[in-house]
Amino acid sequence: MSRHTGPQWKISRRLRYSTLETGKELGKRPYPPGQHGQRRGKPSEYALQLHEKQKVRHTYGLNERQFKRTFNQAFKMEGRHGVNFLILLESRLDNLVYRAGFARTRRQARQLVNHGHFLVDGRKVDIPSYRVVPGQKVALKERAHEFEFIKENLEHTDERLGFIDFDDEKKAFTYARYPERSEILTDIKENLVVEFYSR
């Protein structure tokens, strides 16, 4: 399955979950799209698992193959499988660029990375799925400092999560540590995603 490139708000309404993490998508119409959007029976156990998996996948904007590969990589790590999976997703370069406030959405962050506007430890990285490890420094390229939309995004970023150590002057941040479970996607039940792939 390819990555979804259509309206994100429609996906959020269908899942009844804000994939943009703003809640705006569900403000006016907190029910699924379509003329039968408000008619829903009791979901099966499989439907609940699939629903949870789709919520995570669309939040991070991955296609099915990328998502499953990351899930399998998390399985090889020590600790809780579901939590490790979310940590790997949070450690993607495009996600950290979004978390740092350079972009308003993960899609915008992915495009910025694709266009080569970021350096990781001084080296250009244009792969959105690049996995950043704690201690690495991510900096906006000098020529991109004057982009008006990036300036606006940074100005509208009031606070950042604790695992991002941001330097306003240099337009850079350090991935200080792996995030704690309580800091990311608190409404997600990752155990349902694990159960989905364990069938």
N, C-alpha and C. Protein backbone atom coordinates (compact mmCIF):
# COMPACT_ATOMS: atom_id res chain seq x y z
N MET A 1 0.85 -1.20 0.00
CA MET A 1 0.00 0.00 0.00
C MET A 1 0.88 1.24 0.00
N SER A 2 0.59 2.19 -0.89
CA SER A 2 1.39 3.40 -1.00
C SER A 2 1.03 4.38 0.12
N ARG A 3 1.87 5.40 0.26
CA ARG A 3 1.62 6.41 1.26
C ARG A 3 0.42 7.26 0.85
N HIS A 4 -0.41 7.60 1.81
CA HIS A 4 -1.60 8.41 1.54
C HIS A 4 -1.18 9.85 1.25
N THR A 5 -1.65 10.38 0.11
CA THR A 5 -1.31 11.75 -0.26
C THR A 5 -2.56 12.63 -0.37
N GLY A 6 -3.71 12.08 -0.03
CA GLY A 6 -4.96 12.84 -0.09
C GLY A 6 -5.18 13.69 1.14
N PRO A 7 -6.40 14.18 1.33
CA PRO A 7 -6.71 15.06 2.47
C PRO A 7 -6.49 14.35 3.81
N GLN A 8 -5.66 14.97 4.65
CA GLN A 8 -5.36 14.38 5.95
C GLN A 8 -6.55 14.50 6.90
N TRP A 9 -7.33 15.55 6.75
CA TRP A 9 -8.48 15.74 7.63
C TRP A 9 -9.50 14.62 7.44
N LYS A 10 -9.64 14.15 6.20
CA LYS A 10 -10.59 13.07 5.92
C LYS A 10 -10.16 11.79 6.64
N ILE A 11 -8.85 11.52 6.62
CA ILE A 11 -8.31 10.36 7.32
C ILE A 11 -8.58 10.48 8.82
N SER A 12 -8.33 11.66 9.37
CA SER A 12 -8.54 11.88 10.80
C SER A 12 -9.99 11.66 11.18
N ARG A 13 -10.90 12.15 10.35
CA ARG A 13 -12.32 11.97 10.64
C ARG A 13 -12.71 10.49 10.55
N ARG A 14 -12.15 9.79 9.58
CA ARG A 14 -12.48 8.38 9.43
C ARG A 14 -12.00 7.57 10.63
N LEU A 15 -10.82 7.94 11.15
CA LEU A 15 -10.25 7.23 12.30
C LEU A 15 -10.75 7.80 13.63
N ARG A 16 -11.42 8.96 13.58
CA ARG A 16 -11.85 9.67 14.79
C ARG A 16 -10.66 9.94 15.71
N TYR A 17 -9.57 10.35 15.07
CA TYR A 17 -8.32 10.59 15.80
C TYR A 17 -7.54 11.65 15.04
N SER A 18 -7.01 12.64 15.74
CA SER A 18 -6.28 13.72 15.10
C SER A 18 -4.86 13.28 14.74
N THR A 19 -4.65 12.91 13.48
CA THR A 19 -3.33 12.45 13.04
C THR A 19 -2.34 13.61 12.98
N LEU A 20 -2.83 14.85 12.96
CA LEU A 20 -1.97 16.03 12.97
C LEU A 20 -1.67 16.48 14.39
N GLU A 21 -2.29 15.82 15.37
CA GLU A 21 -2.09 16.09 16.79
C GLU A 21 -2.51 17.50 17.20
N THR A 22 -3.41 18.11 16.43
CA THR A 22 -3.90 19.44 16.77
C THR A 22 -5.34 19.41 17.26
N GLY A 23 -6.10 18.39 16.83
CA GLY A 23 -7.50 18.29 17.20
C GLY A 23 -8.43 19.11 16.31
N LYS A 24 -7.85 19.93 15.42
CA LYS A 24 -8.68 20.80 14.58
C LYS A 24 -9.54 20.01 13.60
N GLU A 25 -9.02 18.86 13.15
CA GLU A 25 -9.75 18.08 12.15
C GLU A 25 -11.11 17.61 12.64
N LEU A 26 -11.20 17.42 13.96
CA LEU A 26 -12.43 16.87 14.53
C LEU A 26 -13.28 17.95 15.21
N GLY A 27 -12.88 19.20 15.07
CA GLY A 27 -13.58 20.28 15.75
C GLY A 27 -15.02 20.46 15.32
N LYS A 28 -15.26 20.58 14.01
CA LYS A 28 -16.60 20.85 13.52
C LYS A 28 -17.40 19.57 13.27
N ARG A 29 -16.71 18.55 12.74
CA ARG A 29 -17.44 17.32 12.39
C ARG A 29 -16.72 16.10 12.98
N PRO A 30 -16.96 15.81 14.23
CA PRO A 30 -16.26 14.70 14.89
C PRO A 30 -16.86 13.33 14.58
N TYR A 31 -17.13 13.09 13.32
CA TYR A 31 -17.68 11.80 12.89
C TYR A 31 -17.09 11.48 11.52
N PRO A 32 -17.10 10.19 11.13
CA PRO A 32 -16.48 9.78 9.86
C PRO A 32 -17.14 10.45 8.66
N PRO A 33 -16.39 10.60 7.54
CA PRO A 33 -16.95 11.21 6.34
C PRO A 33 -17.94 10.29 5.63
N GLY A 34 -18.71 10.84 4.71
CA GLY A 34 -19.67 10.04 3.96
C GLY A 34 -21.07 10.14 4.55
N GLN A 35 -22.08 9.78 3.73
CA GLN A 35 -23.45 9.94 4.17
C GLN A 35 -23.84 8.97 5.30
N HIS A 36 -23.07 7.89 5.44
CA HIS A 36 -23.34 6.93 6.52
C HIS A 36 -22.31 7.03 7.63
N GLY A 37 -21.62 8.16 7.68
CA GLY A 37 -20.51 8.32 8.62
C GLY A 37 -20.88 8.15 10.08
N GLN A 38 -22.12 8.49 10.43
CA GLN A 38 -22.50 8.43 11.84
C GLN A 38 -23.11 7.09 12.23
N ARG A 39 -23.26 6.21 11.25
CA ARG A 39 -23.81 4.89 11.56
C ARG A 39 -22.68 3.88 11.69
N ARG A 40 -22.47 3.38 12.86
CA ARG A 40 -21.40 2.42 13.09
C ARG A 40 -21.86 1.37 14.09
N GLY A 41 -21.65 0.09 13.75
CA GLY A 41 -21.97 -0.98 14.69
C GLY A 41 -20.81 -1.20 15.64
N LYS A 42 -20.92 -2.20 16.48
CA LYS A 42 -19.85 -2.52 17.42
C LYS A 42 -18.70 -3.17 16.67
N PRO A 43 -17.48 -2.61 16.76
CA PRO A 43 -16.35 -3.16 16.01
C PRO A 43 -15.85 -4.47 16.61
N SER A 44 -15.33 -5.33 15.74
CA SER A 44 -14.75 -6.59 16.20
C SER A 44 -13.37 -6.34 16.80
N GLU A 45 -12.80 -7.36 17.38
CA GLU A 45 -11.46 -7.23 17.97
C GLU A 45 -10.44 -6.90 16.89
N TYR A 46 -10.59 -7.56 15.74
CA TYR A 46 -9.68 -7.30 14.61
C TYR A 46 -9.81 -5.85 14.15
N ALA A 47 -11.05 -5.35 14.08
CA ALA A 47 -11.28 -3.98 13.64
C ALA A 47 -10.63 -2.98 14.58
N LEU A 48 -10.68 -3.25 15.87
CA LEU A 48 -10.05 -2.36 16.85
C LEU A 48 -8.53 -2.33 16.66
N GLN A 49 -7.94 -3.51 16.42
CA GLN A 49 -6.50 -3.60 16.21
C GLN A 49 -6.08 -2.88 14.94
N LEU A 50 -6.83 -3.11 13.86
CA LEU A 50 -6.54 -2.46 12.59
C LEU A 50 -6.68 -0.95 12.71
N HIS A 51 -7.72 -0.52 13.40
CA HIS A 51 -7.98 0.91 13.59
C HIS A 51 -6.80 1.57 14.31
N GLU A 52 -6.30 0.91 15.35
CA GLU A 52 -5.18 1.48 16.12
C GLU A 52 -3.92 1.53 15.27
N LYS A 53 -3.70 0.47 14.50
CA LYS A 53 -2.54 0.43 13.61
C LYS A 53 -2.59 1.56 12.59
N GLN A 54 -3.76 1.80 12.02
CA GLN A 54 -3.92 2.84 11.01
C GLN A 54 -3.73 4.24 11.62
N LYS A 55 -4.14 4.41 12.86
CA LYS A 55 -3.95 5.68 13.54
C LYS A 55 -2.47 6.03 13.64
N VAL A 56 -1.66 5.04 14.03
CA VAL A 56 -0.22 5.28 14.16
C VAL A 56 0.41 5.48 12.78
N ARG A 57 0.04 4.65 11.83
CA ARG A 57 0.65 4.71 10.49
C ARG A 57 0.38 6.06 9.82
N HIS A 58 -0.86 6.53 9.91
CA HIS A 58 -1.19 7.81 9.28
C HIS A 58 -0.64 9.00 10.05
N THR A 59 -0.45 8.85 11.35
CA THR A 59 0.15 9.95 12.12
C THR A 59 1.57 10.21 11.65
N TYR A 60 2.34 9.14 11.45
CA TYR A 60 3.73 9.30 11.03
C TYR A 60 3.89 9.33 9.51
N GLY A 61 2.82 9.04 8.78
CA GLY A 61 2.84 9.18 7.32
C GLY A 61 3.68 8.14 6.60
N LEU A 62 3.68 6.91 7.09
CA LEU A 62 4.46 5.84 6.46
C LEU A 62 3.57 4.98 5.57
N ASN A 63 4.18 4.34 4.56
CA ASN A 63 3.43 3.34 3.82
C ASN A 63 3.50 2.02 4.59
N GLU A 64 2.74 1.05 4.15
CA GLU A 64 2.61 -0.20 4.91
C GLU A 64 3.94 -0.94 5.04
N ARG A 65 4.73 -0.95 3.97
CA ARG A 65 6.00 -1.69 4.01
C ARG A 65 6.98 -1.06 5.00
N GLN A 66 7.10 0.27 4.97
CA GLN A 66 7.98 0.96 5.92
C GLN A 66 7.53 0.71 7.36
N PHE A 67 6.22 0.77 7.55
CA PHE A 67 5.65 0.61 8.88
C PHE A 67 5.95 -0.78 9.44
N LYS A 68 5.72 -1.81 8.63
CA LYS A 68 5.97 -3.19 9.06
C LYS A 68 7.45 -3.44 9.30
N ARG A 69 8.31 -2.86 8.46
CA ARG A 69 9.75 -3.05 8.63
C ARG A 69 10.22 -2.44 9.95
N THR A 70 9.71 -1.25 10.27
CA THR A 70 10.07 -0.62 11.53
C THR A 70 9.57 -1.44 12.71
N PHE A 71 8.38 -2.01 12.57
CA PHE A 71 7.81 -2.85 13.63
C PHE A 71 8.71 -4.07 13.87
N ASN A 72 9.19 -4.68 12.80
CA ASN A 72 10.07 -5.85 12.92
C ASN A 72 11.41 -5.48 13.55
N GLN A 73 11.90 -4.29 13.26
CA GLN A 73 13.15 -3.84 13.87
C GLN A 73 12.99 -3.64 15.37
N ALA A 74 11.82 -3.14 15.76
CA ALA A 74 11.54 -2.93 17.19
C ALA A 74 11.50 -4.26 17.93
N PHE A 75 11.09 -5.32 17.24
CA PHE A 75 10.98 -6.65 17.85
C PHE A 75 12.35 -7.16 18.30
N LYS A 76 13.42 -6.73 17.63
CA LYS A 76 14.78 -7.20 17.93
C LYS A 76 15.42 -6.43 19.09
N MET A 77 14.76 -5.39 19.56
CA MET A 77 15.31 -4.58 20.64
C MET A 77 14.86 -5.10 22.00
N GLU A 78 15.63 -4.81 23.02
CA GLU A 78 15.25 -5.20 24.37
C GLU A 78 14.17 -4.25 24.89
N GLY A 79 13.30 -4.77 25.72
CA GLY A 79 12.24 -3.94 26.29
C GLY A 79 10.89 -4.27 25.69
N ARG A 80 9.94 -3.39 25.91
CA ARG A 80 8.57 -3.60 25.44
C ARG A 80 8.47 -3.29 23.95
N HIS A 81 7.95 -4.25 23.23
CA HIS A 81 7.91 -4.17 21.77
C HIS A 81 7.16 -2.93 21.29
N GLY A 82 5.97 -2.69 21.81
CA GLY A 82 5.16 -1.56 21.36
C GLY A 82 5.81 -0.22 21.64
N VAL A 83 6.40 -0.07 22.82
CA VAL A 83 7.06 1.18 23.19
C VAL A 83 8.29 1.41 22.31
N ASN A 84 9.08 0.35 22.09
CA ASN A 84 10.25 0.45 21.22
C ASN A 84 9.86 0.88 19.82
N PHE A 85 8.72 0.37 19.37
CA PHE A 85 8.22 0.71 18.03
C PHE A 85 7.93 2.20 17.92
N LEU A 86 7.26 2.76 18.92
CA LEU A 86 6.95 4.19 18.90
C LEU A 86 8.22 5.03 19.00
N ILE A 87 9.20 4.55 19.76
CA ILE A 87 10.46 5.28 19.90
C ILE A 87 11.20 5.33 18.56
N LEU A 88 11.19 4.21 17.82
CA LEU A 88 11.84 4.19 16.50
C LEU A 88 11.14 5.16 15.55
N LEU A 89 9.83 5.22 15.60
CA LEU A 89 9.09 6.15 14.75
C LEU A 89 9.40 7.60 15.11
N GLU A 90 9.51 7.87 16.41
CA GLU A 90 9.83 9.22 16.86
C GLU A 90 11.25 9.63 16.49
N SER A 91 12.13 8.65 16.29
CA SER A 91 13.54 8.94 16.01
C SER A 91 13.81 9.21 14.54
N ARG A 92 12.79 9.13 13.69
CA ARG A 92 12.96 9.46 12.28
C ARG A 92 13.31 10.95 12.14
N LEU A 93 14.16 11.26 11.17
CA LEU A 93 14.59 12.65 10.99
C LEU A 93 13.41 13.56 10.67
N ASP A 94 12.51 13.13 9.80
CA ASP A 94 11.38 14.01 9.45
C ASP A 94 10.50 14.29 10.67
N ASN A 95 10.31 13.30 11.52
CA ASN A 95 9.50 13.51 12.71
C ASN A 95 10.17 14.49 13.68
N LEU A 96 11.48 14.37 13.85
CA LEU A 96 12.20 15.26 14.78
C LEU A 96 12.22 16.70 14.26
N VAL A 97 12.31 16.85 12.93
CA VAL A 97 12.24 18.19 12.34
C VAL A 97 10.88 18.81 12.64
N TYR A 98 9.83 17.98 12.56
CA TYR A 98 8.48 18.44 12.90
C TYR A 98 8.38 18.77 14.39
N ARG A 99 8.89 17.88 15.24
CA ARG A 99 8.83 18.10 16.69
C ARG A 99 9.60 19.36 17.11
N ALA A 100 10.68 19.67 16.39
CA ALA A 100 11.49 20.84 16.73
C ALA A 100 10.81 22.14 16.34
N GLY A 101 9.79 22.07 15.47
CA GLY A 101 9.05 23.26 15.11
C GLY A 101 9.40 23.87 13.77
N PHE A 102 10.29 23.23 13.00
CA PHE A 102 10.65 23.76 11.69
C PHE A 102 9.49 23.64 10.70
N ALA A 103 8.62 22.67 10.92
CA ALA A 103 7.51 22.43 10.01
C ALA A 103 6.20 22.35 10.80
N ARG A 104 5.10 22.71 10.13
CA ARG A 104 3.79 22.66 10.79
C ARG A 104 3.21 21.26 10.79
N THR A 105 3.61 20.46 9.80
CA THR A 105 3.13 19.08 9.70
C THR A 105 4.29 18.16 9.36
N ARG A 106 4.08 16.86 9.54
CA ARG A 106 5.13 15.91 9.19
C ARG A 106 5.34 15.85 7.68
N ARG A 107 4.30 16.11 6.91
CA ARG A 107 4.45 16.15 5.45
C ARG A 107 5.39 17.27 5.04
N GLN A 108 5.21 18.43 5.65
CA GLN A 108 6.08 19.56 5.35
C GLN A 108 7.51 19.26 5.79
N ALA A 109 7.65 18.60 6.94
CA ALA A 109 8.98 18.23 7.44
C ALA A 109 9.66 17.26 6.48
N ARG A 110 8.89 16.30 5.96
CA ARG A 110 9.45 15.33 5.01
C ARG A 110 9.96 16.03 3.76
N GLN A 111 9.21 17.01 3.29
CA GLN A 111 9.62 17.75 2.09
C GLN A 111 10.89 18.55 2.35
N LEU A 112 10.98 19.19 3.51
CA LEU A 112 12.18 19.96 3.86
C LEU A 112 13.42 19.06 3.89
N VAL A 113 13.26 17.87 4.48
CA VAL A 113 14.39 16.93 4.54
C VAL A 113 14.74 16.45 3.13
N ASN A 114 13.72 16.11 2.35
CA ASN A 114 13.94 15.63 0.97
C ASN A 114 14.72 16.64 0.14
N HIS A 115 14.47 17.93 0.38
CA HIS A 115 15.13 18.98 -0.39
C HIS A 115 16.52 19.32 0.15
N GLY A 116 16.97 18.57 1.14
CA GLY A 116 18.34 18.71 1.63
C GLY A 116 18.61 19.93 2.46
N HIS A 117 17.63 20.39 3.24
CA HIS A 117 17.81 21.61 4.02
C HIS A 117 18.39 21.36 5.42
N PHE A 118 18.70 20.10 5.76
CA PHE A 118 19.18 19.81 7.12
C PHE A 118 20.51 19.05 7.12
N LEU A 119 21.28 19.35 8.14
CA LEU A 119 22.56 18.68 8.36
C LEU A 119 22.46 17.87 9.66
N VAL A 120 22.96 16.66 9.63
CA VAL A 120 23.04 15.84 10.84
C VAL A 120 24.51 15.67 11.18
N ASP A 121 24.91 16.23 12.30
CA ASP A 121 26.34 16.24 12.69
C ASP A 121 27.21 16.80 11.58
N GLY A 122 26.71 17.85 10.92
CA GLY A 122 27.49 18.54 9.90
C GLY A 122 27.40 17.96 8.50
N ARG A 123 26.69 16.85 8.33
CA ARG A 123 26.59 16.22 7.01
C ARG A 123 25.16 16.31 6.50
N LYS A 124 25.01 16.63 5.20
CA LYS A 124 23.67 16.73 4.63
C LYS A 124 23.00 15.37 4.60
N VAL A 125 21.77 15.34 5.09
CA VAL A 125 20.96 14.12 5.05
C VAL A 125 19.62 14.48 4.41
N ASP A 126 19.28 13.80 3.32
CA ASP A 126 18.02 14.09 2.64
C ASP A 126 17.09 12.88 2.61
N ILE A 127 17.24 12.03 3.60
CA ILE A 127 16.41 10.82 3.72
C ILE A 127 15.50 10.99 4.94
N PRO A 128 14.19 11.17 4.73
CA PRO A 128 13.28 11.41 5.85
C PRO A 128 13.27 10.30 6.90
N SER A 129 13.51 9.06 6.46
CA SER A 129 13.47 7.93 7.40
C SER A 129 14.78 7.73 8.16
N TYR A 130 15.76 8.59 7.91
CA TYR A 130 17.05 8.48 8.61
C TYR A 130 16.80 8.45 10.11
N ARG A 131 17.40 7.47 10.78
CA ARG A 131 17.17 7.32 12.22
C ARG A 131 18.23 8.08 13.01
N VAL A 132 17.78 9.08 13.72
CA VAL A 132 18.68 9.89 14.55
C VAL A 132 18.86 9.18 15.89
N VAL A 133 20.07 9.22 16.41
CA VAL A 133 20.33 8.60 17.72
C VAL A 133 20.63 9.70 18.73
N PRO A 134 20.34 9.45 20.01
CA PRO A 134 20.59 10.48 21.03
C PRO A 134 22.02 10.99 20.99
N GLY A 135 22.14 12.29 21.08
CA GLY A 135 23.46 12.92 21.03
C GLY A 135 23.76 13.58 19.70
N GLN A 136 23.04 13.17 18.66
CA GLN A 136 23.28 13.77 17.35
C GLN A 136 22.64 15.15 17.26
N LYS A 137 23.30 16.03 16.50
CA LYS A 137 22.83 17.40 16.33
C LYS A 137 22.27 17.58 14.93
N VAL A 138 21.09 18.15 14.84
CA VAL A 138 20.42 18.41 13.55
C VAL A 138 20.33 19.92 13.39
N ALA A 139 20.86 20.44 12.26
CA ALA A 139 20.89 21.89 12.04
C ALA A 139 20.27 22.24 10.70
N LEU A 140 19.59 23.37 10.67
CA LEU A 140 19.05 23.90 9.42
C LEU A 140 20.20 24.53 8.64
N LYS A 141 20.27 24.24 7.34
CA LYS A 141 21.33 24.81 6.51
C LYS A 141 21.25 26.33 6.53
N GLU A 142 22.41 26.97 6.39
CA GLU A 142 22.50 28.42 6.48
C GLU A 142 21.57 29.11 5.48
N ARG A 143 21.53 28.62 4.25
CA ARG A 143 20.73 29.30 3.22
C ARG A 143 19.23 29.19 3.48
N ALA A 144 18.83 28.26 4.33
CA ALA A 144 17.41 28.10 4.62
C ALA A 144 16.95 28.94 5.81
N HIS A 145 17.89 29.62 6.46
CA HIS A 145 17.55 30.44 7.63
C HIS A 145 16.59 31.58 7.28
N GLU A 146 16.62 32.00 6.01
CA GLU A 146 15.81 33.15 5.60
C GLU A 146 14.44 32.76 5.06
N PHE A 147 14.13 31.47 5.02
CA PHE A 147 12.81 31.05 4.53
C PHE A 147 11.73 31.56 5.48
N GLU A 148 10.82 32.36 4.95
CA GLU A 148 9.81 32.99 5.78
C GLU A 148 8.91 31.99 6.50
N PHE A 149 8.51 30.92 5.79
CA PHE A 149 7.59 29.96 6.41
C PHE A 149 8.25 29.21 7.56
N ILE A 150 9.57 29.01 7.47
CA ILE A 150 10.28 28.36 8.57
C ILE A 150 10.36 29.31 9.76
N LYS A 151 10.61 30.59 9.49
CA LYS A 151 10.63 31.60 10.56
C LYS A 151 9.28 31.63 11.29
N GLU A 152 8.20 31.63 10.49
CA GLU A 152 6.86 31.66 11.08
C GLU A 152 6.58 30.42 11.90
N ASN A 153 6.98 29.25 11.39
CA ASN A 153 6.78 28.00 12.12
C ASN A 153 7.49 28.02 13.47
N LEU A 154 8.74 28.51 13.46
CA LEU A 154 9.51 28.56 14.71
C LEU A 154 8.91 29.57 15.69
N GLU A 155 8.42 30.69 15.17
CA GLU A 155 7.81 31.70 16.04
C GLU A 155 6.53 31.19 16.70
N HIS A 156 5.81 30.30 16.01
CA HIS A 156 4.56 29.78 16.54
C HIS A 156 4.74 28.51 17.37
N THR A 157 6.00 28.10 17.57
CA THR A 157 6.27 26.93 18.40
C THR A 157 6.50 27.38 19.83
N ASP A 158 5.51 27.18 20.68
CA ASP A 158 5.58 27.67 22.06
C ASP A 158 6.44 26.79 22.96
N GLU A 159 6.29 25.47 22.79
CA GLU A 159 7.06 24.56 23.64
C GLU A 159 7.43 23.31 22.86
N ARG A 160 8.49 22.66 23.31
CA ARG A 160 8.95 21.43 22.66
C ARG A 160 9.04 20.32 23.69
N LEU A 161 9.01 19.11 23.21
CA LEU A 161 9.09 17.96 24.11
C LEU A 161 10.49 17.88 24.73
N GLY A 162 10.58 17.22 25.86
CA GLY A 162 11.82 17.21 26.65
C GLY A 162 13.01 16.56 26.00
N PHE A 163 12.80 15.73 24.99
CA PHE A 163 13.94 15.05 24.37
C PHE A 163 14.59 15.87 23.25
N ILE A 164 14.08 17.09 23.02
CA ILE A 164 14.66 17.97 22.01
C ILE A 164 15.27 19.19 22.69
N ASP A 165 16.57 19.35 22.54
CA ASP A 165 17.30 20.48 23.11
C ASP A 165 17.56 21.48 21.98
N PHE A 166 16.74 22.54 21.93
CA PHE A 166 16.76 23.45 20.78
C PHE A 166 17.63 24.68 21.03
N ASP A 167 18.38 25.07 19.98
CA ASP A 167 19.23 26.27 20.02
C ASP A 167 18.64 27.29 19.04
N ASP A 168 17.95 28.31 19.59
CA ASP A 168 17.28 29.30 18.74
C ASP A 168 18.26 30.08 17.87
N GLU A 169 19.39 30.41 18.42
CA GLU A 169 20.35 31.23 17.69
C GLU A 169 20.91 30.51 16.47
N LYS A 170 21.23 29.24 16.63
CA LYS A 170 21.84 28.47 15.53
C LYS A 170 20.82 27.74 14.67
N LYS A 171 19.53 27.83 15.05
CA LYS A 171 18.48 27.10 14.32
C LYS A 171 18.85 25.61 14.23
N ALA A 172 19.16 25.05 15.37
CA ALA A 172 19.58 23.65 15.43
C ALA A 172 19.06 23.03 16.71
N PHE A 173 19.07 21.70 16.75
CA PHE A 173 18.66 21.02 17.98
C PHE A 173 19.45 19.73 18.14
N THR A 174 19.53 19.30 19.38
CA THR A 174 20.18 18.03 19.70
C THR A 174 19.12 17.05 20.16
N TYR A 175 19.18 15.84 19.64
CA TYR A 175 18.28 14.78 20.10
C TYR A 175 18.86 14.28 21.42
N ALA A 176 18.37 14.85 22.50
CA ALA A 176 18.99 14.66 23.81
C ALA A 176 18.89 13.21 24.32
N ARG A 177 17.75 12.59 24.10
CA ARG A 177 17.52 11.23 24.63
C ARG A 177 16.33 10.63 23.90
N TYR A 178 16.14 9.33 24.10
CA TYR A 178 14.94 8.71 23.56
C TYR A 178 13.72 9.22 24.35
N PRO A 179 12.59 9.39 23.70
CA PRO A 179 11.41 9.88 24.42
C PRO A 179 10.87 8.85 25.39
N GLU A 180 10.23 9.33 26.44
CA GLU A 180 9.53 8.45 27.37
C GLU A 180 8.13 8.18 26.82
N ARG A 181 7.55 7.06 27.20
CA ARG A 181 6.24 6.69 26.66
C ARG A 181 5.18 7.76 26.95
N SER A 182 5.30 8.40 28.09
CA SER A 182 4.29 9.39 28.49
C SER A 182 4.36 10.67 27.66
N GLU A 183 5.42 10.83 26.86
CA GLU A 183 5.61 12.06 26.09
C GLU A 183 5.03 11.98 24.68
N ILE A 184 4.73 10.77 24.19
CA ILE A 184 4.33 10.62 22.79
C ILE A 184 3.03 9.84 22.64
N LEU A 185 2.16 10.34 21.79
CA LEU A 185 0.91 9.66 21.41
C LEU A 185 0.22 8.99 22.61
N THR A 186 -0.14 9.80 23.57
CA THR A 186 -0.70 9.25 24.81
C THR A 186 -2.05 8.56 24.61
N ASP A 187 -2.75 8.88 23.52
CA ASP A 187 -4.06 8.26 23.27
C ASP A 187 -3.96 6.94 22.52
N ILE A 188 -2.76 6.56 22.11
CA ILE A 188 -2.56 5.33 21.33
C ILE A 188 -2.36 4.13 22.25
N LYS A 189 -3.00 3.01 21.91
CA LYS A 189 -2.82 1.75 22.64
C LYS A 189 -1.92 0.86 21.79
N GLU A 190 -0.62 0.99 22.00
CA GLU A 190 0.34 0.28 21.15
C GLU A 190 0.24 -1.23 21.27
N ASN A 191 -0.33 -1.72 22.39
CA ASN A 191 -0.48 -3.16 22.54
C ASN A 191 -1.42 -3.74 21.48
N LEU A 192 -2.38 -2.93 21.00
CA LEU A 192 -3.28 -3.39 19.94
C LEU A 192 -2.55 -3.52 18.61
N VAL A 193 -1.57 -2.66 18.38
CA VAL A 193 -0.76 -2.76 17.16
C VAL A 193 0.08 -4.03 17.21
N VAL A 194 0.64 -4.33 18.37
CA VAL A 194 1.43 -5.55 18.55
C VAL A 194 0.55 -6.77 18.32
N GLU A 195 -0.66 -6.73 18.87
CA GLU A 195 -1.59 -7.86 18.69
C GLU A 195 -1.98 -8.01 17.22
N PHE A 196 -2.13 -6.90 16.51
CA PHE A 196 -2.50 -6.96 15.09
C PHE A 196 -1.46 -7.73 14.29
N TYR A 197 -0.17 -7.43 14.52
CA TYR A 197 0.90 -8.08 13.76
C TYR A 197 1.26 -9.45 14.33
N SER A 198 0.72 -9.79 15.48
CA SER A 198 1.02 -11.11 16.09
C SER A 198 -0.03 -12.17 15.74
N ARG A 199 -1.00 -11.79 14.93
CA ARG A 199 -2.05 -12.75 14.59
C ARG A 199 -1.50 -13.94 13.83
